[in-house]
Amino acid sequence: MCNRYVAPDAAAVERYWHVGARQPWSVAEIFPRAQGPFIRAARDDSEAKREVVVGQWGLIPWFAKSAKLTYSTNNARFEELAQKASYRDAWAKGRRCIIPALSFDEPNWETGRNGWWRFRRADGQPWGLAGLWSTWTDKATGEIVECYTMLTINADACPLMSRMHKPDPTLPADRQDKRSVVPIELCDVDQWIFGTQRDAVALVRLADVRGYDAGPMS
């Protein structure tokens, strides 16, 4: 599960994904429930165009009575999207997005204590991480909240990502359900955002570890 990442600035997002931002954002470490940018299909255009939106990292499901949830929704297990009430509406309606990230952080417990690792792309480009988005409306006030969640997949078979997170001593080593984010390559962005659900599923896979520049944070 990812609970901290760094977003690129608006100029970097526009340059890399060829999409302009409707509103600025500050470049800093982003934590759950903070504001961050995400790229989705433009809602007010009949053509297949991208737009950048700034919203809350933590998806608010349509049925929520309050924007302040009692449970975490910044990460969503891909394997459970069709069943989980919090995510199945966004997944069924094709509300997929790209979350721009310069880096993301994961905890490593191999020493018996939490040591943070930072993950960048080996080619120096930003990550485009798979996500889902939603727009929640407060029925009492009419307030509109844009929000998103970051998808994760099982990483027990990944020699790098399986080293992250605290192991569960009650489970065998090959069934820890370690998690990984889902990077979407630049050439696959339109397939993820505009494609069918089957098109999107075909892109959900572990990244080649040779594409990572990862190591302990100083």
C-alpha atoms as a PDB file:
ATOM      1  CA  MET A   1       0.000   0.000   0.000  1.00  0.00           C
ATOM      2  CA  CYS A   2       1.268   3.468  -0.825  1.00  0.00           C
ATOM      3  CA  ASN A   3       0.624   6.228   1.698  1.00  0.00           C
ATOM      4  CA  ARG A   4       3.078   8.873   0.518  1.00  0.00           C
ATOM      5  CA  TYR A   5       4.224  10.164  -2.851  1.00  0.00           C
ATOM      6  CA  VAL A   6       5.541  13.316  -4.534  1.00  0.00           C
ATOM      7  CA  ALA A   7       3.626  14.883  -7.426  1.00  0.00           C
ATOM      8  CA  PRO A   8       5.304  16.741 -10.322  1.00  0.00           C
ATOM      9  CA  ASP A   9       4.500  20.408 -10.854  1.00  0.00           C
ATOM     10  CA  ALA A  10       1.936  21.528 -13.423  1.00  0.00           C
ATOM     11  CA  ALA A  11       4.546  22.289 -16.087  1.00  0.00           C
ATOM     12  CA  ALA A  12       6.043  18.796 -15.828  1.00  0.00           C
ATOM     13  CA  VAL A  13       2.611  17.176 -16.080  1.00  0.00           C
ATOM     14  CA  GLU A  14       1.703  19.242 -19.126  1.00  0.00           C
ATOM     15  CA  ARG A  15       5.043  18.502 -20.780  1.00  0.00           C
ATOM     16  CA  TYR A  16       5.001  14.742 -20.187  1.00  0.00           C
ATOM     17  CA  TRP A  17       1.300  13.898 -20.600  1.00  0.00           C
ATOM     18  CA  HIS A  18       0.433  16.719 -23.030  1.00  0.00           C
ATOM     19  CA  VAL A  19      -2.435  18.016 -20.952  1.00  0.00           C
ATOM     20  CA  GLY A  20      -2.999  21.433 -19.395  1.00  0.00           C
ATOM     21  CA  ALA A  21      -3.979  21.945 -15.764  1.00  0.00           C
ATOM     22  CA  ARG A  22      -7.204  23.733 -14.877  1.00  0.00           C
ATOM     23  CA  GLN A  23      -5.869  24.797 -11.506  1.00  0.00           C
ATOM     24  CA  PRO A  24      -2.429  24.908  -9.852  1.00  0.00           C
ATOM     25  CA  TRP A  25      -1.216  22.756  -7.001  1.00  0.00           C
ATOM     26  CA  SER A  26       1.736  22.851  -4.669  1.00  0.00           C
ATOM     27  CA  VAL A  27       4.530  20.330  -5.218  1.00  0.00           C
ATOM     28  CA  ALA A  28       5.152  18.472  -1.996  1.00  0.00           C
ATOM     29  CA  GLU A  29       4.797  15.066  -0.430  1.00  0.00           C
ATOM     30  CA  ILE A  30       1.172  14.012  -0.713  1.00  0.00           C
ATOM     31  CA  PHE A  31      -0.452  12.054   2.073  1.00  0.00           C
ATOM     32  CA  PRO A  32      -3.930  10.486   2.320  1.00  0.00           C
ATOM     33  CA  ARG A  33      -6.728  13.099   2.239  1.00  0.00           C
ATOM     34  CA  ALA A  34      -4.376  15.781   0.932  1.00  0.00           C
ATOM     35  CA  GLN A  35      -4.951  17.457  -2.440  1.00  0.00           C
ATOM     36  CA  GLY A  36      -3.185  16.074  -5.484  1.00  0.00           C
ATOM     37  CA  PRO A  37      -3.490  16.134  -9.307  1.00  0.00           C
ATOM     38  CA  PHE A  38      -4.891  13.329 -11.433  1.00  0.00           C
ATOM     39  CA  ILE A  39      -5.515  12.947 -15.165  1.00  0.00           C
ATOM     40  CA  ARG A  40      -8.857  11.702 -16.458  1.00  0.00           C
ATOM     41  CA  ALA A  41     -11.101  11.884 -19.515  1.00  0.00           C
ATOM     42  CA  ALA A  42     -12.407  15.441 -19.900  1.00  0.00           C
ATOM     43  CA  ARG A  43     -15.977  15.504 -18.617  1.00  0.00           C
ATOM     44  CA  ASP A  44     -17.158  18.525 -20.599  1.00  0.00           C
ATOM     45  CA  ASP A  45     -15.964  17.436 -24.042  1.00  0.00           C
ATOM     46  CA  SER A  46     -17.526  14.974 -26.459  1.00  0.00           C
ATOM     47  CA  GLU A  47     -14.089  14.101 -27.858  1.00  0.00           C
ATOM     48  CA  ALA A  48     -11.579  11.828 -26.170  1.00  0.00           C
ATOM     49  CA  LYS A  49      -9.489  14.482 -24.439  1.00  0.00           C
ATOM     50  CA  ARG A  50      -7.554  14.422 -21.181  1.00  0.00           C
ATOM     51  CA  GLU A  51      -7.844  16.905 -18.336  1.00  0.00           C
ATOM     52  CA  VAL A  52      -5.966  17.423 -15.089  1.00  0.00           C
ATOM     53  CA  VAL A  53      -8.033  17.796 -11.928  1.00  0.00           C
ATOM     54  CA  VAL A  54      -6.924  18.486  -8.380  1.00  0.00           C
ATOM     55  CA  GLY A  55      -8.749  16.448  -5.765  1.00  0.00           C
ATOM     56  CA  GLN A  56      -8.563  14.591  -2.490  1.00  0.00           C
ATOM     57  CA  TRP A  57      -6.375  11.504  -2.310  1.00  0.00           C
ATOM     58  CA  GLY A  58      -8.991   9.207  -0.824  1.00  0.00           C
ATOM     59  CA  LEU A  59     -12.066   8.289  -2.846  1.00  0.00           C
ATOM     60  CA  ILE A  60     -15.419   9.241  -1.355  1.00  0.00           C
ATOM     61  CA  PRO A  61     -18.081   6.773  -2.535  1.00  0.00           C
ATOM     62  CA  TRP A  62     -21.335   8.191  -3.889  1.00  0.00           C
ATOM     63  CA  PHE A  63     -23.339   6.826  -0.948  1.00  0.00           C
ATOM     64  CA  ALA A  64     -21.205   8.481   1.751  1.00  0.00           C
ATOM     65  CA  LYS A  65     -23.109  10.941   3.927  1.00  0.00           C
ATOM     66  CA  SER A  66     -19.941  12.861   4.783  1.00  0.00           C
ATOM     67  CA  ALA A  67     -16.648  13.602   3.069  1.00  0.00           C
ATOM     68  CA  LYS A  68     -14.862  12.568   6.271  1.00  0.00           C
ATOM     69  CA  LEU A  69     -14.792   8.785   6.089  1.00  0.00           C
ATOM     70  CA  THR A  70     -14.026   6.550   9.056  1.00  0.00           C
ATOM     71  CA  TYR A  71     -11.946   4.208   6.890  1.00  0.00           C
ATOM     72  CA  SER A  72      -9.083   4.592   4.417  1.00  0.00           C
ATOM     73  CA  THR A  73      -9.784   4.780   0.676  1.00  0.00           C
ATOM     74  CA  ASN A  74      -6.503   6.143  -0.707  1.00  0.00           C
ATOM     75  CA  ASN A  75      -5.540   2.630  -1.936  1.00  0.00           C
ATOM     76  CA  ALA A  76      -7.877   0.163  -3.649  1.00  0.00           C
ATOM     77  CA  ARG A  77      -7.069  -3.502  -4.226  1.00  0.00           C
ATOM     78  CA  PHE A  78      -7.546  -4.188  -7.924  1.00  0.00           C
ATOM     79  CA  GLU A  79      -8.723  -7.721  -7.215  1.00  0.00           C
ATOM     80  CA  GLU A  80     -11.661  -6.352  -5.183  1.00  0.00           C
ATOM     81  CA  LEU A  81     -12.853  -3.436  -7.342  1.00  0.00           C
ATOM     82  CA  ALA A  82     -15.942  -5.205  -8.634  1.00  0.00           C
ATOM     83  CA  GLN A  83     -17.041  -6.281  -5.130  1.00  0.00           C
ATOM     84  CA  LYS A  84     -16.056  -3.412  -2.830  1.00  0.00           C
ATOM     85  CA  ALA A  85     -18.926  -0.966  -2.392  1.00  0.00           C
ATOM     86  CA  SER A  86     -16.544   1.989  -2.145  1.00  0.00           C
ATOM     87  CA  TYR A  87     -15.018   1.384  -5.595  1.00  0.00           C
ATOM     88  CA  ARG A  88     -17.328  -0.738  -7.744  1.00  0.00           C
ATOM     89  CA  ASP A  89     -19.388   2.220  -9.026  1.00  0.00           C
ATOM     90  CA  ALA A  90     -16.306   4.109 -10.236  1.00  0.00           C
ATOM     91  CA  TRP A  91     -14.869   0.928 -11.746  1.00  0.00           C
ATOM     92  CA  ALA A  92     -18.129  -0.026 -13.479  1.00  0.00           C
ATOM     93  CA  LYS A  93     -18.507   3.465 -14.961  1.00  0.00           C
ATOM     94  CA  GLY A  94     -14.947   3.515 -16.296  1.00  0.00           C
ATOM     95  CA  ARG A  95     -13.782   6.380 -14.107  1.00  0.00           C
ATOM     96  CA  ARG A  96     -10.113   5.527 -14.456  1.00  0.00           C
ATOM     97  CA  CYS A  97      -7.335   8.051 -14.019  1.00  0.00           C
ATOM     98  CA  ILE A  98      -3.576   8.506 -14.058  1.00  0.00           C
ATOM     99  CA  ILE A  99      -1.883   9.770 -10.889  1.00  0.00           C
ATOM    100  CA  PRO A 100       1.350  11.647 -11.732  1.00  0.00           C
ATOM    101  CA  ALA A 101       4.194  10.966  -9.301  1.00  0.00           C
ATOM    102  CA  LEU A 102       7.880  11.842  -9.273  1.00  0.00           C
ATOM    103  CA  SER A 103       8.380   9.157  -6.634  1.00  0.00           C
ATOM    104  CA  PHE A 104       6.504   7.087  -4.094  1.00  0.00           C
ATOM    105  CA  ASP A 105       7.583   5.666  -0.750  1.00  0.00           C
ATOM    106  CA  GLU A 106       7.167   2.234   0.811  1.00  0.00           C
ATOM    107  CA  PRO A 107       8.211   0.836   4.220  1.00  0.00           C
ATOM    108  CA  ASN A 108      10.831  -1.906   4.435  1.00  0.00           C
ATOM    109  CA  TRP A 109      10.932  -4.037   7.601  1.00  0.00           C
ATOM    110  CA  GLU A 110      13.859  -6.341   6.806  1.00  0.00           C
ATOM    111  CA  THR A 111      15.862  -4.997   9.754  1.00  0.00           C
ATOM    112  CA  GLY A 112      12.921  -5.495  12.115  1.00  0.00           C
ATOM    113  CA  ARG A 113      12.153  -1.767  12.029  1.00  0.00           C
ATOM    114  CA  ASN A 114      10.444   0.463   9.500  1.00  0.00           C
ATOM    115  CA  GLY A 115      12.953   1.896   7.035  1.00  0.00           C
ATOM    116  CA  TRP A 116      11.442   4.021   4.269  1.00  0.00           C
ATOM    117  CA  TRP A 117      12.437   3.318   0.669  1.00  0.00           C
ATOM    118  CA  ARG A 118      11.886   5.755  -2.199  1.00  0.00           C
ATOM    119  CA  PHE A 119      10.908   4.529  -5.668  1.00  0.00           C
ATOM    120  CA  ARG A 120      11.690   6.505  -8.817  1.00  0.00           C
ATOM    121  CA  ARG A 121      11.789   5.506 -12.457  1.00  0.00           C
ATOM    122  CA  ALA A 122      15.228   4.461 -13.662  1.00  0.00           C
ATOM    123  CA  ASP A 123      14.822   6.598 -16.803  1.00  0.00           C
ATOM    124  CA  GLY A 124      14.204   9.739 -14.749  1.00  0.00           C
ATOM    125  CA  GLN A 125      10.658  10.243 -16.063  1.00  0.00           C
ATOM    126  CA  PRO A 126       7.621  10.588 -13.762  1.00  0.00           C
ATOM    127  CA  TRP A 127       5.399   7.687 -12.848  1.00  0.00           C
ATOM    128  CA  GLY A 128       1.846   7.487 -14.177  1.00  0.00           C
ATOM    129  CA  LEU A 129       0.065   5.367 -11.572  1.00  0.00           C
ATOM    130  CA  ALA A 130      -3.305   3.724 -12.168  1.00  0.00           C
ATOM    131  CA  GLY A 131      -6.221   5.081 -10.196  1.00  0.00           C
ATOM    132  CA  LEU A 132      -9.971   5.595 -10.037  1.00  0.00           C
ATOM    133  CA  TRP A 133     -11.725   8.927  -9.548  1.00  0.00           C
ATOM    134  CA  SER A 134     -15.100  10.091  -8.310  1.00  0.00           C
ATOM    135  CA  THR A 135     -16.993  13.330  -7.780  1.00  0.00           C
ATOM    136  CA  TRP A 136     -18.916  13.465  -4.517  1.00  0.00           C
ATOM    137  CA  THR A 137     -21.623  16.029  -3.773  1.00  0.00           C
ATOM    138  CA  ASP A 138     -22.686  17.054  -0.301  1.00  0.00           C
ATOM    139  CA  LYS A 139     -26.491  16.906  -0.424  1.00  0.00           C
ATOM    140  CA  ALA A 140     -26.821  19.383   2.417  1.00  0.00           C
ATOM    141  CA  THR A 141     -24.525  22.124   1.108  1.00  0.00           C
ATOM    142  CA  GLY A 142     -24.064  21.324  -2.580  1.00  0.00           C
ATOM    143  CA  GLU A 143     -20.290  21.215  -2.127  1.00  0.00           C
ATOM    144  CA  ILE A 144     -18.543  19.193  -4.850  1.00  0.00           C
ATOM    145  CA  VAL A 145     -15.465  17.184  -3.924  1.00  0.00           C
ATOM    146  CA  GLU A 146     -13.205  15.687  -6.585  1.00  0.00           C
ATOM    147  CA  CYS A 147     -11.355  12.639  -5.273  1.00  0.00           C
ATOM    148  CA  TYR A 148      -9.295   9.648  -6.338  1.00  0.00           C
ATOM    149  CA  THR A 149      -7.760   6.381  -5.181  1.00  0.00           C
ATOM    150  CA  MET A 150      -4.555   4.575  -6.178  1.00  0.00           C
ATOM    151  CA  LEU A 151      -4.819   0.956  -7.352  1.00  0.00           C
ATOM    152  CA  THR A 152      -2.637  -1.811  -5.956  1.00  0.00           C
ATOM    153  CA  ILE A 153      -2.050  -5.428  -6.975  1.00  0.00           C
ATOM    154  CA  ASN A 154      -0.555  -8.457  -5.284  1.00  0.00           C
ATOM    155  CA  ALA A 155       3.249  -8.317  -5.405  1.00  0.00           C
ATOM    156  CA  ASP A 156       4.249 -11.553  -3.652  1.00  0.00           C
ATOM    157  CA  ALA A 157       5.974 -12.684  -6.877  1.00  0.00           C
ATOM    158  CA  CYS A 158       7.931  -9.443  -7.350  1.00  0.00           C
ATOM    159  CA  PRO A 159      11.535  -9.705  -6.075  1.00  0.00           C
ATOM    160  CA  LEU A 160      11.556  -5.994  -5.184  1.00  0.00           C
ATOM    161  CA  MET A 161       8.059  -5.026  -4.053  1.00  0.00           C
ATOM    162  CA  SER A 162       7.641  -8.233  -2.013  1.00  0.00           C
ATOM    163  CA  ARG A 163      10.381  -6.892   0.271  1.00  0.00           C
ATOM    164  CA  MET A 164       8.241  -3.937   1.292  1.00  0.00           C
ATOM    165  CA  HIS A 165       5.813  -3.675   4.215  1.00  0.00           C
ATOM    166  CA  LYS A 166       5.769  -5.491   7.501  1.00  0.00           C
ATOM    167  CA  PRO A 167       5.411  -9.276   7.089  1.00  0.00           C
ATOM    168  CA  ASP A 168       2.528 -11.111   8.692  1.00  0.00           C
ATOM    169  CA  PRO A 169       4.048 -13.907  10.841  1.00  0.00           C
ATOM    170  CA  THR A 170       0.808 -15.901  10.621  1.00  0.00           C
ATOM    171  CA  LEU A 171       1.052 -16.272   6.826  1.00  0.00           C
ATOM    172  CA  PRO A 172       3.521 -18.244   4.679  1.00  0.00           C
ATOM    173  CA  ALA A 173       6.212 -16.252   2.861  1.00  0.00           C
ATOM    174  CA  ASP A 174       4.617 -16.751  -0.569  1.00  0.00           C
ATOM    175  CA  ARG A 175       1.147 -15.654   0.607  1.00  0.00           C
ATOM    176  CA  GLN A 176       1.791 -12.361   2.354  1.00  0.00           C
ATOM    177  CA  ASP A 177      -0.334 -10.315  -0.064  1.00  0.00           C
ATOM    178  CA  LYS A 178       2.362  -7.689  -0.383  1.00  0.00           C
ATOM    179  CA  ARG A 179       1.102  -4.861  -2.584  1.00  0.00           C
ATOM    180  CA  SER A 180       2.406  -2.797  -5.476  1.00  0.00           C
ATOM    181  CA  VAL A 181       1.145   0.275  -7.287  1.00  0.00           C
ATOM    182  CA  VAL A 182       0.298  -0.162 -10.987  1.00  0.00           C
ATOM    183  CA  PRO A 183       2.433   1.971 -13.327  1.00  0.00           C
ATOM    184  CA  ILE A 184       0.827   2.840 -16.681  1.00  0.00           C
ATOM    185  CA  GLU A 185       3.334   3.551 -19.444  1.00  0.00           C
ATOM    186  CA  LEU A 186       2.930   6.747 -21.452  1.00  0.00           C
ATOM    187  CA  CYS A 187       1.984   4.831 -24.599  1.00  0.00           C
ATOM    188  CA  ASP A 188      -0.850   3.097 -22.709  1.00  0.00           C
ATOM    189  CA  VAL A 189      -2.444   6.138 -21.051  1.00  0.00           C
ATOM    190  CA  ASP A 190      -5.293   6.495 -23.560  1.00  0.00           C
ATOM    191  CA  GLN A 191      -6.037   2.778 -23.355  1.00  0.00           C
ATOM    192  CA  TRP A 192      -6.311   3.081 -19.567  1.00  0.00           C
ATOM    193  CA  ILE A 193      -8.426   6.247 -19.564  1.00  0.00           C
ATOM    194  CA  PHE A 194     -10.621   5.786 -22.648  1.00  0.00           C
ATOM    195  CA  GLY A 195     -10.574   2.036 -23.286  1.00  0.00           C
ATOM    196  CA  THR A 196     -13.082  -0.606 -22.303  1.00  0.00           C
ATOM    197  CA  GLN A 197     -12.856  -2.359 -18.976  1.00  0.00           C
ATOM    198  CA  ARG A 198     -11.218  -5.291 -20.754  1.00  0.00           C
ATOM    199  CA  ASP A 199      -8.655  -2.899 -22.259  1.00  0.00           C
ATOM    200  CA  ALA A 200      -7.878  -1.555 -18.795  1.00  0.00           C
ATOM    201  CA  VAL A 201      -7.562  -4.978 -17.172  1.00  0.00           C
ATOM    202  CA  ALA A 202      -4.925  -5.919 -19.761  1.00  0.00           C
ATOM    203  CA  LEU A 203      -2.687  -3.138 -18.411  1.00  0.00           C
ATOM    204  CA  VAL A 204      -2.831  -4.171 -14.765  1.00  0.00           C
ATOM    205  CA  ARG A 205       0.432  -5.962 -14.097  1.00  0.00           C
ATOM    206  CA  LEU A 206       3.616  -5.724 -12.079  1.00  0.00           C
ATOM    207  CA  ALA A 207       6.261  -3.437 -13.534  1.00  0.00           C
ATOM    208  CA  ASP A 208       9.652  -4.792 -14.623  1.00  0.00           C
ATOM    209  CA  VAL A 209      11.982  -4.258 -11.655  1.00  0.00           C
ATOM    210  CA  ARG A 210      14.680  -3.041 -14.061  1.00  0.00           C
ATOM    211  CA  GLY A 211      12.566   0.070 -14.517  1.00  0.00           C
ATOM    212  CA  TYR A 212      12.890   1.019 -10.842  1.00  0.00           C
ATOM    213  CA  ASP A 213      15.445   3.252  -9.184  1.00  0.00           C
ATOM    214  CA  ALA A 214      14.753   2.281  -5.561  1.00  0.00           C
ATOM    215  CA  GLY A 215      16.579   2.319  -2.282  1.00  0.00           C
ATOM    216  CA  PRO A 216      16.534   3.438   1.363  1.00  0.00           C
ATOM    217  CA  MET A 217      15.885   7.095   2.040  1.00  0.00           C
ATOM    218  CA  SER A 218      18.647   8.989   3.802  1.00  0.00           C
END
